[in-house]
Amino acid sequence: MRLRSPLFAPGDSERKVRKALASVADAVILDLEDSVAMSAKDAARAMTAAMLPGLDRPGVIVRINPPGTDWYLPDLAAIVPGRPQAVMLPKCGGAEDLLALDHHLEALEAAAGHPRGSIGVLPIVTETAAAALNLPTMAGAARRVLAFCFGAEDLSADLGIAPRREDGSYPAPVAHARATVLLAAGAAGVPAIDTPWPDPRDTTGLAREAAEAAADGFAGKLCIHPDQIAPVNAAFTPDPARLAWARRVLEGFAAQPGAGVFALDGKMIDRPHLRLAERLLAAGDS
């Protein structure tokens, strides 16, 4: 599943869900958590569960409510029969939450007649300071994880600070957590997805932050409005020159089987460049 531009849609608004599903977002996240009022949780769950079996769009994800809440298990029991491509886990506190969700999904998949492991997981791994400190332990529990997601807003609230400075940069603890997400994702062998840009009207700020995230190694950025999809997709799609370089790297190694290094345009190319080329081509493959 491609994850450049996962777009949130509140699970209790059929109009917004249909609009999101019709968009060009790589994935659509039907949200049962933050965008749904407590009084509407049951209705959102029922509506989302009823819609899932009829959706043939790739990249359908459901964000359930956090572990420890009264809605967590009912959410899972309701949506697994509809077999979304993935479950987004908010407030993931550590490896224990990932392992517990894996067990819950395994049991529910069996009950629904789905293949074991057919539903992936997208954990948001930095919504509290404690979770950010537990990130190094999560790589070893990433059995179903498709990507690690960075969340700046909840983390900054937990720390009692603004998520961004006036110049758009992150305060030190938020920046540290963001970098740790990239490292944890690398250790687990999965992509990292950047936090949403909070102002849908500010496309300039979004484009700048998305470009910086792509340069830092993120594979995509969570979107909260359809107008954010195009600039986010543009930021996380390698430009033609980079793709051409990547193809030449693959061709160079293919022409010299077993070689560990060769020269390209006067520069030495080795195996780490090959891995980078493969990642670039995967990101550019639509």
C-alpha atoms as a PDB file:
ATOM      1  CA  MET A   1       0.000   0.000   0.000  1.00  0.00           C
ATOM      2  CA  ARG A   2       1.352   3.412  -0.979  1.00  0.00           C
ATOM      3  CA  LEU A   3       1.235   5.925   1.862  1.00  0.00           C
ATOM      4  CA  ARG A   4       2.326   9.303   0.534  1.00  0.00           C
ATOM      5  CA  SER A   5      -0.952  11.019   1.384  1.00  0.00           C
ATOM      6  CA  PRO A   6      -3.224   9.143   3.824  1.00  0.00           C
ATOM      7  CA  LEU A   7      -6.350  11.313   4.206  1.00  0.00           C
ATOM      8  CA  PHE A   8      -8.501  11.358   7.349  1.00  0.00           C
ATOM      9  CA  ALA A   9     -12.304  11.344   7.098  1.00  0.00           C
ATOM     10  CA  PRO A  10     -14.624  11.312  10.138  1.00  0.00           C
ATOM     11  CA  GLY A  11     -16.329   7.945  10.414  1.00  0.00           C
ATOM     12  CA  ASP A  12     -19.672   9.492  11.326  1.00  0.00           C
ATOM     13  CA  SER A  13     -19.958  11.668   8.186  1.00  0.00           C
ATOM     14  CA  GLU A  14     -20.940   9.696   5.107  1.00  0.00           C
ATOM     15  CA  ARG A  15     -20.573  12.792   2.907  1.00  0.00           C
ATOM     16  CA  LYS A  16     -16.970  13.399   3.964  1.00  0.00           C
ATOM     17  CA  VAL A  17     -16.134   9.708   3.757  1.00  0.00           C
ATOM     18  CA  ARG A  18     -17.471   9.462   0.203  1.00  0.00           C
ATOM     19  CA  LYS A  19     -15.564  12.602  -0.793  1.00  0.00           C
ATOM     20  CA  ALA A  20     -12.347  11.186   0.664  1.00  0.00           C
ATOM     21  CA  LEU A  21     -12.845   7.830  -1.047  1.00  0.00           C
ATOM     22  CA  ALA A  22     -13.312   9.591  -4.392  1.00  0.00           C
ATOM     23  CA  SER A  23     -10.115  11.616  -3.945  1.00  0.00           C
ATOM     24  CA  VAL A  24      -6.659  10.816  -5.304  1.00  0.00           C
ATOM     25  CA  ALA A  25      -5.249  10.252  -1.818  1.00  0.00           C
ATOM     26  CA  ASP A  26      -3.069   7.154  -1.653  1.00  0.00           C
ATOM     27  CA  ALA A  27      -5.098   5.930   1.328  1.00  0.00           C
ATOM     28  CA  VAL A  28      -8.212   6.973   3.245  1.00  0.00           C
ATOM     29  CA  ILE A  29      -8.396   6.729   7.034  1.00  0.00           C
ATOM     30  CA  LEU A  30     -11.948   6.318   8.308  1.00  0.00           C
ATOM     31  CA  ASP A  31     -11.617   7.888  11.728  1.00  0.00           C
ATOM     32  CA  LEU A  32     -13.394   6.618  14.834  1.00  0.00           C
ATOM     33  CA  GLU A  33     -11.196   8.578  17.254  1.00  0.00           C
ATOM     34  CA  ASP A  34     -10.403  12.301  17.414  1.00  0.00           C
ATOM     35  CA  SER A  35     -12.849  13.566  14.786  1.00  0.00           C
ATOM     36  CA  VAL A  36     -15.817  11.767  16.377  1.00  0.00           C
ATOM     37  CA  ALA A  37     -17.558  13.105  19.488  1.00  0.00           C
ATOM     38  CA  MET A  38     -17.956  10.717  22.420  1.00  0.00           C
ATOM     39  CA  SER A  39     -21.726  10.735  21.950  1.00  0.00           C
ATOM     40  CA  ALA A  40     -21.317   9.640  18.313  1.00  0.00           C
ATOM     41  CA  LYS A  41     -18.789   6.816  18.807  1.00  0.00           C
ATOM     42  CA  ASP A  42     -21.305   3.982  18.496  1.00  0.00           C
ATOM     43  CA  ALA A  43     -22.960   5.501  15.421  1.00  0.00           C
ATOM     44  CA  ALA A  44     -19.592   6.112  13.718  1.00  0.00           C
ATOM     45  CA  ARG A  45     -18.519   2.523  14.392  1.00  0.00           C
ATOM     46  CA  ALA A  46     -21.758   1.114  12.996  1.00  0.00           C
ATOM     47  CA  MET A  47     -21.657   3.304   9.890  1.00  0.00           C
ATOM     48  CA  THR A  48     -18.021   2.490   9.171  1.00  0.00           C
ATOM     49  CA  ALA A  49     -18.535  -1.240   9.694  1.00  0.00           C
ATOM     50  CA  ALA A  50     -21.515  -1.188   7.331  1.00  0.00           C
ATOM     51  CA  MET A  51     -19.566   0.626   4.605  1.00  0.00           C
ATOM     52  CA  LEU A  52     -16.392  -1.481   4.636  1.00  0.00           C
ATOM     53  CA  PRO A  53     -17.628  -4.617   2.828  1.00  0.00           C
ATOM     54  CA  GLY A  54     -18.781  -2.581  -0.179  1.00  0.00           C
ATOM     55  CA  LEU A  55     -15.574  -0.610  -0.673  1.00  0.00           C
ATOM     56  CA  ASP A  56     -13.305  -1.707  -3.500  1.00  0.00           C
ATOM     57  CA  ARG A  57     -10.913   1.245  -3.210  1.00  0.00           C
ATOM     58  CA  PRO A  58      -7.325   0.322  -2.301  1.00  0.00           C
ATOM     59  CA  GLY A  59      -5.827   1.792   0.826  1.00  0.00           C
ATOM     60  CA  VAL A  60      -8.818   1.814   3.191  1.00  0.00           C
ATOM     61  CA  ILE A  61      -7.683   2.205   6.805  1.00  0.00           C
ATOM     62  CA  VAL A  62      -9.716   2.566   9.997  1.00  0.00           C
ATOM     63  CA  ARG A  63      -8.402   4.527  12.955  1.00  0.00           C
ATOM     64  CA  ILE A  64      -9.831   2.848  16.023  1.00  0.00           C
ATOM     65  CA  ASN A  65      -9.963   4.294  19.517  1.00  0.00           C
ATOM     66  CA  PRO A  66      -6.935   3.861  21.790  1.00  0.00           C
ATOM     67  CA  PRO A  67      -6.126   0.795  23.892  1.00  0.00           C
ATOM     68  CA  GLY A  68      -7.658   0.984  27.346  1.00  0.00           C
ATOM     69  CA  THR A  69     -10.772   2.848  26.216  1.00  0.00           C
ATOM     70  CA  ASP A  70     -14.239   1.309  26.238  1.00  0.00           C
ATOM     71  CA  TRP A  71     -14.380   1.612  22.442  1.00  0.00           C
ATOM     72  CA  TYR A  72     -11.138  -0.184  21.519  1.00  0.00           C
ATOM     73  CA  LEU A  73     -12.348  -3.809  21.451  1.00  0.00           C
ATOM     74  CA  PRO A  74     -15.843  -3.003  20.092  1.00  0.00           C
ATOM     75  CA  ASP A  75     -14.176  -1.043  17.273  1.00  0.00           C
ATOM     76  CA  LEU A  76     -11.995  -4.011  16.356  1.00  0.00           C
ATOM     77  CA  ALA A  77     -14.853  -6.510  16.580  1.00  0.00           C
ATOM     78  CA  ALA A  78     -16.996  -4.362  14.304  1.00  0.00           C
ATOM     79  CA  ILE A  79     -14.486  -3.497  11.580  1.00  0.00           C
ATOM     80  CA  VAL A  80     -12.419  -6.675  11.145  1.00  0.00           C
ATOM     81  CA  PRO A  81     -15.236  -8.558   9.351  1.00  0.00           C
ATOM     82  CA  GLY A  82     -15.191  -5.808   6.694  1.00  0.00           C
ATOM     83  CA  ARG A  83     -11.445  -6.401   6.219  1.00  0.00           C
ATOM     84  CA  PRO A  84      -9.923  -2.952   5.914  1.00  0.00           C
ATOM     85  CA  GLN A  85      -6.397  -2.933   4.564  1.00  0.00           C
ATOM     86  CA  ALA A  86      -5.087  -1.680   7.885  1.00  0.00           C
ATOM     87  CA  VAL A  87      -5.989  -0.484  11.366  1.00  0.00           C
ATOM     88  CA  MET A  88      -4.484   2.759  12.620  1.00  0.00           C
ATOM     89  CA  LEU A  89      -3.630   2.507  16.315  1.00  0.00           C
ATOM     90  CA  PRO A  90      -3.598   5.863  18.124  1.00  0.00           C
ATOM     91  CA  LYS A  91      -1.821   6.439  21.429  1.00  0.00           C
ATOM     92  CA  CYS A  92       0.432   3.427  20.861  1.00  0.00           C
ATOM     93  CA  GLY A  93       2.417   3.301  24.079  1.00  0.00           C
ATOM     94  CA  GLY A  94       4.973   0.650  23.222  1.00  0.00           C
ATOM     95  CA  ALA A  95       5.650  -2.894  22.068  1.00  0.00           C
ATOM     96  CA  GLU A  96       2.986  -4.263  24.425  1.00  0.00           C
ATOM     97  CA  ASP A  97       0.231  -2.391  22.595  1.00  0.00           C
ATOM     98  CA  LEU A  98       1.449  -3.646  19.219  1.00  0.00           C
ATOM     99  CA  LEU A  99       1.654  -7.249  20.399  1.00  0.00           C
ATOM    100  CA  ALA A 100      -1.786  -7.068  22.009  1.00  0.00           C
ATOM    101  CA  LEU A 101      -3.311  -5.652  18.811  1.00  0.00           C
ATOM    102  CA  ASP A 102      -1.650  -8.410  16.797  1.00  0.00           C
ATOM    103  CA  HIS A 103      -3.264 -11.042  19.029  1.00  0.00           C
ATOM    104  CA  HIS A 104      -6.669  -9.346  18.893  1.00  0.00           C
ATOM    105  CA  LEU A 105      -6.552  -9.083  15.111  1.00  0.00           C
ATOM    106  CA  GLU A 106      -5.421 -12.686  14.750  1.00  0.00           C
ATOM    107  CA  ALA A 107      -8.400 -13.942  16.752  1.00  0.00           C
ATOM    108  CA  LEU A 108     -10.868 -11.712  14.938  1.00  0.00           C
ATOM    109  CA  GLU A 109      -9.444 -12.614  11.513  1.00  0.00           C
ATOM    110  CA  ALA A 110      -9.915 -16.293  12.317  1.00  0.00           C
ATOM    111  CA  ALA A 111     -13.489 -15.688  13.466  1.00  0.00           C
ATOM    112  CA  ALA A 112     -14.264 -13.770  10.272  1.00  0.00           C
ATOM    113  CA  GLY A 113     -12.597 -16.312   7.980  1.00  0.00           C
ATOM    114  CA  HIS A 114      -9.855 -13.921   6.864  1.00  0.00           C
ATOM    115  CA  PRO A 115      -6.270 -15.064   6.268  1.00  0.00           C
ATOM    116  CA  ARG A 116      -4.044 -14.624   9.281  1.00  0.00           C
ATOM    117  CA  GLY A 117      -2.117 -11.373   9.112  1.00  0.00           C
ATOM    118  CA  SER A 118      -4.231  -9.947   6.287  1.00  0.00           C
ATOM    119  CA  ILE A 119      -4.923  -6.669   8.136  1.00  0.00           C
ATOM    120  CA  GLY A 120      -1.965  -4.372   8.634  1.00  0.00           C
ATOM    121  CA  VAL A 121      -1.294  -1.876  11.422  1.00  0.00           C
ATOM    122  CA  LEU A 122      -0.338   1.817  11.319  1.00  0.00           C
ATOM    123  CA  PRO A 123       0.597   2.892  14.853  1.00  0.00           C
ATOM    124  CA  ILE A 124       0.919   6.537  15.847  1.00  0.00           C
ATOM    125  CA  VAL A 125       3.939   6.168  18.064  1.00  0.00           C
ATOM    126  CA  THR A 126       4.718   9.561  19.592  1.00  0.00           C
ATOM    127  CA  GLU A 127       1.485  10.943  21.036  1.00  0.00           C
ATOM    128  CA  THR A 128       2.881  10.942  24.575  1.00  0.00           C
ATOM    129  CA  ALA A 129       6.345  11.508  25.991  1.00  0.00           C
ATOM    130  CA  ALA A 130       6.322   7.978  27.433  1.00  0.00           C
ATOM    131  CA  ALA A 131       5.515   6.494  24.025  1.00  0.00           C
ATOM    132  CA  ALA A 132       8.333   8.461  22.408  1.00  0.00           C
ATOM    133  CA  LEU A 133      10.768   7.035  24.946  1.00  0.00           C
ATOM    134  CA  ASN A 134       9.455   3.524  24.198  1.00  0.00           C
ATOM    135  CA  LEU A 135       9.999   3.829  20.452  1.00  0.00           C
ATOM    136  CA  PRO A 136      13.219   1.773  20.379  1.00  0.00           C
ATOM    137  CA  THR A 137      11.293  -1.240  21.706  1.00  0.00           C
ATOM    138  CA  MET A 138       8.641  -1.099  18.984  1.00  0.00           C
ATOM    139  CA  ALA A 139      10.831  -2.203  16.092  1.00  0.00           C
ATOM    140  CA  GLY A 140      10.916  -5.750  17.448  1.00  0.00           C
ATOM    141  CA  ALA A 141       7.114  -5.887  17.718  1.00  0.00           C
ATOM    142  CA  ALA A 142       6.334  -4.647  14.217  1.00  0.00           C
ATOM    143  CA  ARG A 143       4.824  -7.896  12.931  1.00  0.00           C
ATOM    144  CA  ARG A 144       1.935  -6.253  11.063  1.00  0.00           C
ATOM    145  CA  VAL A 145       3.233  -2.700  10.978  1.00  0.00           C
ATOM    146  CA  LEU A 146       3.088  -1.053   7.540  1.00  0.00           C
ATOM    147  CA  ALA A 147       4.583   2.245   8.743  1.00  0.00           C
ATOM    148  CA  PHE A 148       5.288   4.203  11.915  1.00  0.00           C
ATOM    149  CA  CYS A 149       3.363   7.477  12.133  1.00  0.00           C
ATOM    150  CA  PHE A 150       4.675  10.613  13.832  1.00  0.00           C
ATOM    151  CA  GLY A 151       2.151  12.707  15.778  1.00  0.00           C
ATOM    152  CA  ALA A 152       3.322  16.163  16.876  1.00  0.00           C
ATOM    153  CA  GLU A 153       0.107  17.719  18.182  1.00  0.00           C
ATOM    154  CA  ASP A 154      -0.696  15.241  20.967  1.00  0.00           C
ATOM    155  CA  LEU A 155       2.948  14.984  21.976  1.00  0.00           C
ATOM    156  CA  SER A 156       3.294  18.740  22.347  1.00  0.00           C
ATOM    157  CA  ALA A 157       0.081  18.839  24.375  1.00  0.00           C
ATOM    158  CA  ASP A 158       1.462  16.129  26.644  1.00  0.00           C
ATOM    159  CA  LEU A 159       4.609  18.209  27.098  1.00  0.00           C
ATOM    160  CA  GLY A 160       2.698  21.455  27.586  1.00  0.00           C
ATOM    161  CA  ILE A 161       4.392  23.250  24.684  1.00  0.00           C
ATOM    162  CA  ALA A 162       3.449  24.519  21.227  1.00  0.00           C
ATOM    163  CA  PRO A 163       3.977  21.926  18.472  1.00  0.00           C
ATOM    164  CA  ARG A 164       5.865  24.400  16.282  1.00  0.00           C
ATOM    165  CA  ARG A 165       7.782  27.630  16.760  1.00  0.00           C
ATOM    166  CA  GLU A 166       6.797  30.770  14.844  1.00  0.00           C
ATOM    167  CA  ASP A 167       9.303  29.945  12.109  1.00  0.00           C
ATOM    168  CA  GLY A 168       7.721  26.495  11.651  1.00  0.00           C
ATOM    169  CA  SER A 169      10.526  24.555  13.331  1.00  0.00           C
ATOM    170  CA  TYR A 170       9.873  22.023  16.089  1.00  0.00           C
ATOM    171  CA  PRO A 171      10.799  22.510  19.756  1.00  0.00           C
ATOM    172  CA  ALA A 172      13.689  20.313  20.880  1.00  0.00           C
ATOM    173  CA  PRO A 173      11.716  17.387  22.415  1.00  0.00           C
ATOM    174  CA  VAL A 174       9.309  17.228  19.473  1.00  0.00           C
ATOM    175  CA  ALA A 175      12.195  17.326  16.997  1.00  0.00           C
ATOM    176  CA  HIS A 176      13.932  14.549  18.945  1.00  0.00           C
ATOM    177  CA  ALA A 177      10.809  12.359  18.875  1.00  0.00           C
ATOM    178  CA  ARG A 178      10.406  13.012  15.148  1.00  0.00           C
ATOM    179  CA  ALA A 179      13.971  11.887  14.455  1.00  0.00           C
ATOM    180  CA  THR A 180      13.480   8.819  16.642  1.00  0.00           C
ATOM    181  CA  VAL A 181      10.447   7.803  14.566  1.00  0.00           C
ATOM    182  CA  LEU A 182      12.662   7.771  11.485  1.00  0.00           C
ATOM    183  CA  LEU A 183      15.273   5.651  13.258  1.00  0.00           C
ATOM    184  CA  ALA A 184      12.701   3.219  14.677  1.00  0.00           C
ATOM    185  CA  ALA A 185      11.070   2.836  11.268  1.00  0.00           C
ATOM    186  CA  GLY A 186      14.467   2.188   9.703  1.00  0.00           C
ATOM    187  CA  ALA A 187      15.237  -0.432  12.330  1.00  0.00           C
ATOM    188  CA  ALA A 188      11.889  -2.125  11.679  1.00  0.00           C
ATOM    189  CA  GLY A 189      12.304  -1.924   7.914  1.00  0.00           C
ATOM    190  CA  VAL A 190       9.100   0.063   7.388  1.00  0.00           C
ATOM    191  CA  PRO A 191       8.371   3.616   6.163  1.00  0.00           C
ATOM    192  CA  ALA A 192       7.776   6.594   8.440  1.00  0.00           C
ATOM    193  CA  ILE A 193       4.784   8.909   7.918  1.00  0.00           C
ATOM    194  CA  ASP A 194       4.958  12.543   9.028  1.00  0.00           C
ATOM    195  CA  THR A 195       2.485  14.437  11.210  1.00  0.00           C
ATOM    196  CA  PRO A 196      -0.363  16.426   9.588  1.00  0.00           C
ATOM    197  CA  TRP A 197       0.019  20.099   8.726  1.00  0.00           C
ATOM    198  CA  PRO A 198      -2.681  21.723  10.895  1.00  0.00           C
ATOM    199  CA  ASP A 199      -3.869  24.566   8.615  1.00  0.00           C
ATOM    200  CA  PRO A 200      -5.491  23.401   5.343  1.00  0.00           C
ATOM    201  CA  ARG A 201      -5.483  27.012   4.059  1.00  0.00           C
ATOM    202  CA  ASP A 202      -1.701  27.376   4.370  1.00  0.00           C
ATOM    203  CA  THR A 203      -0.497  25.434   1.358  1.00  0.00           C
ATOM    204  CA  THR A 204       2.845  27.249   1.365  1.00  0.00           C
ATOM    205  CA  GLY A 205       3.659  26.072   4.884  1.00  0.00           C
ATOM    206  CA  LEU A 206       2.465  22.577   4.011  1.00  0.00           C
ATOM    207  CA  ALA A 207       4.628  22.382   0.894  1.00  0.00           C
ATOM    208  CA  ARG A 208       7.683  23.552   2.837  1.00  0.00           C
ATOM    209  CA  GLU A 209       7.211  21.087   5.691  1.00  0.00           C
ATOM    210  CA  ALA A 210       6.384  18.209   3.327  1.00  0.00           C
ATOM    211  CA  ALA A 211       9.541  18.867   1.304  1.00  0.00           C
ATOM    212  CA  GLU A 212      11.610  18.937   4.498  1.00  0.00           C
ATOM    213  CA  ALA A 213       9.992  15.690   5.672  1.00  0.00           C
ATOM    214  CA  ALA A 214      10.773  13.995   2.365  1.00  0.00           C
ATOM    215  CA  ALA A 215      14.386  15.177   2.583  1.00  0.00           C
ATOM    216  CA  ASP A 216      14.618  13.790   6.125  1.00  0.00           C
ATOM    217  CA  GLY A 217      13.448  10.356   4.986  1.00  0.00           C
ATOM    218  CA  PHE A 218       9.701  10.298   5.591  1.00  0.00           C
ATOM    219  CA  ALA A 219       7.698   8.422   2.962  1.00  0.00           C
ATOM    220  CA  GLY A 220       4.478  10.416   3.319  1.00  0.00           C
ATOM    221  CA  LYS A 221       2.480  12.882   5.372  1.00  0.00           C
ATOM    222  CA  LEU A 222      -0.910  12.500   7.015  1.00  0.00           C
ATOM    223  CA  CYS A 223      -3.561  14.773   5.474  1.00  0.00           C
ATOM    224  CA  ILE A 224      -6.596  16.329   7.157  1.00  0.00           C
ATOM    225  CA  HIS A 225      -8.171  17.987   4.100  1.00  0.00           C
ATOM    226  CA  PRO A 226      -8.474  17.003   0.414  1.00  0.00           C
ATOM    227  CA  ASP A 227      -6.698  20.224  -0.637  1.00  0.00           C
ATOM    228  CA  GLN A 228      -3.538  18.892   1.026  1.00  0.00           C
ATOM    229  CA  ILE A 229      -3.281  15.804  -1.174  1.00  0.00           C
ATOM    230  CA  ALA A 230      -1.711  17.363  -4.277  1.00  0.00           C
ATOM    231  CA  PRO A 231       1.167  19.214  -2.558  1.00  0.00           C
ATOM    232  CA  VAL A 232       1.878  16.208  -0.353  1.00  0.00           C
ATOM    233  CA  ASN A 233       1.938  13.786  -3.282  1.00  0.00           C
ATOM    234  CA  ALA A 234       4.246  16.152  -5.141  1.00  0.00           C
ATOM    235  CA  ALA A 235       6.653  16.371  -2.207  1.00  0.00           C
ATOM    236  CA  PHE A 236       6.936  12.608  -1.802  1.00  0.00           C
ATOM    237  CA  THR A 237       7.252  11.696  -5.474  1.00  0.00           C
ATOM    238  CA  PRO A 238      10.919  11.649  -6.564  1.00  0.00           C
ATOM    239  CA  ASP A 239      11.709  13.997  -9.426  1.00  0.00           C
ATOM    240  CA  PRO A 240      12.548  12.490 -12.852  1.00  0.00           C
ATOM    241  CA  ALA A 241      16.265  13.218 -12.538  1.00  0.00           C
ATOM    242  CA  ARG A 242      16.510  11.253  -9.281  1.00  0.00           C
ATOM    243  CA  LEU A 243      14.546   8.372 -10.792  1.00  0.00           C
ATOM    244  CA  ALA A 244      16.802   8.349 -13.840  1.00  0.00           C
ATOM    245  CA  TRP A 245      19.851   8.184 -11.556  1.00  0.00           C
ATOM    246  CA  ALA A 246      18.274   5.299  -9.622  1.00  0.00           C
ATOM    247  CA  ARG A 247      17.620   3.340 -12.812  1.00  0.00           C
ATOM    248  CA  ARG A 248      21.223   3.834 -13.909  1.00  0.00           C
ATOM    249  CA  VAL A 249      22.417   2.538 -10.523  1.00  0.00           C
ATOM    250  CA  LEU A 250      20.309  -0.623 -10.903  1.00  0.00           C
ATOM    251  CA  GLU A 251      21.489  -1.069 -14.479  1.00  0.00           C
ATOM    252  CA  GLY A 252      25.112  -0.645 -13.392  1.00  0.00           C
ATOM    253  CA  PHE A 253      24.884  -3.391 -10.790  1.00  0.00           C
ATOM    254  CA  ALA A 254      22.940  -5.633 -13.189  1.00  0.00           C
ATOM    255  CA  ALA A 255      25.697  -5.255 -15.779  1.00  0.00           C
ATOM    256  CA  GLN A 256      28.334  -6.293 -13.226  1.00  0.00           C
ATOM    257  CA  PRO A 257      26.924  -9.254 -11.258  1.00  0.00           C
ATOM    258  CA  GLY A 258      28.649  -9.670  -7.932  1.00  0.00           C
ATOM    259  CA  ALA A 259      30.304  -6.264  -8.051  1.00  0.00           C
ATOM    260  CA  GLY A 260      30.334  -4.308  -4.813  1.00  0.00           C
ATOM    261  CA  VAL A 261      31.193  -0.967  -6.355  1.00  0.00           C
ATOM    262  CA  PHE A 262      31.379   0.756  -9.737  1.00  0.00           C
ATOM    263  CA  ALA A 263      31.838   4.266 -11.125  1.00  0.00           C
ATOM    264  CA  LEU A 264      28.925   6.375 -12.348  1.00  0.00           C
ATOM    265  CA  ASP A 265      29.605   9.851 -13.734  1.00  0.00           C
ATOM    266  CA  GLY A 266      32.971   9.802 -12.019  1.00  0.00           C
ATOM    267  CA  LYS A 267      31.529   8.938  -8.582  1.00  0.00           C
ATOM    268  CA  MET A 268      31.835   5.644  -6.734  1.00  0.00           C
ATOM    269  CA  ILE A 269      28.557   3.760  -6.339  1.00  0.00           C
ATOM    270  CA  ASP A 270      28.316   0.977  -3.747  1.00  0.00           C
ATOM    271  CA  ARG A 271      25.637  -1.194  -2.130  1.00  0.00           C
ATOM    272  CA  PRO A 272      24.123   1.552   0.072  1.00  0.00           C
ATOM    273  CA  HIS A 273      23.510   3.527  -3.136  1.00  0.00           C
ATOM    274  CA  LEU A 274      21.756   0.457  -4.543  1.00  0.00           C
ATOM    275  CA  ARG A 275      19.400   0.349  -1.556  1.00  0.00           C
ATOM    276  CA  LEU A 276      18.693   4.064  -1.955  1.00  0.00           C
ATOM    277  CA  ALA A 277      18.001   3.586  -5.658  1.00  0.00           C
ATOM    278  CA  GLU A 278      15.571   0.780  -4.939  1.00  0.00           C
ATOM    279  CA  ARG A 279      13.713   2.956  -2.401  1.00  0.00           C
ATOM    280  CA  LEU A 280      13.518   5.863  -4.853  1.00  0.00           C
ATOM    281  CA  LEU A 281      12.093   3.662  -7.593  1.00  0.00           C
ATOM    282  CA  ALA A 282       9.566   2.150  -5.184  1.00  0.00           C
ATOM    283  CA  ALA A 283       8.470   5.661  -4.148  1.00  0.00           C
ATOM    284  CA  GLY A 284       8.169   6.710  -7.775  1.00  0.00           C
ATOM    285  CA  ASP A 285       6.160   3.650  -8.805  1.00  0.00           C
ATOM    286  CA  SER A 286       2.499   4.634  -9.017  1.00  0.00           C
END
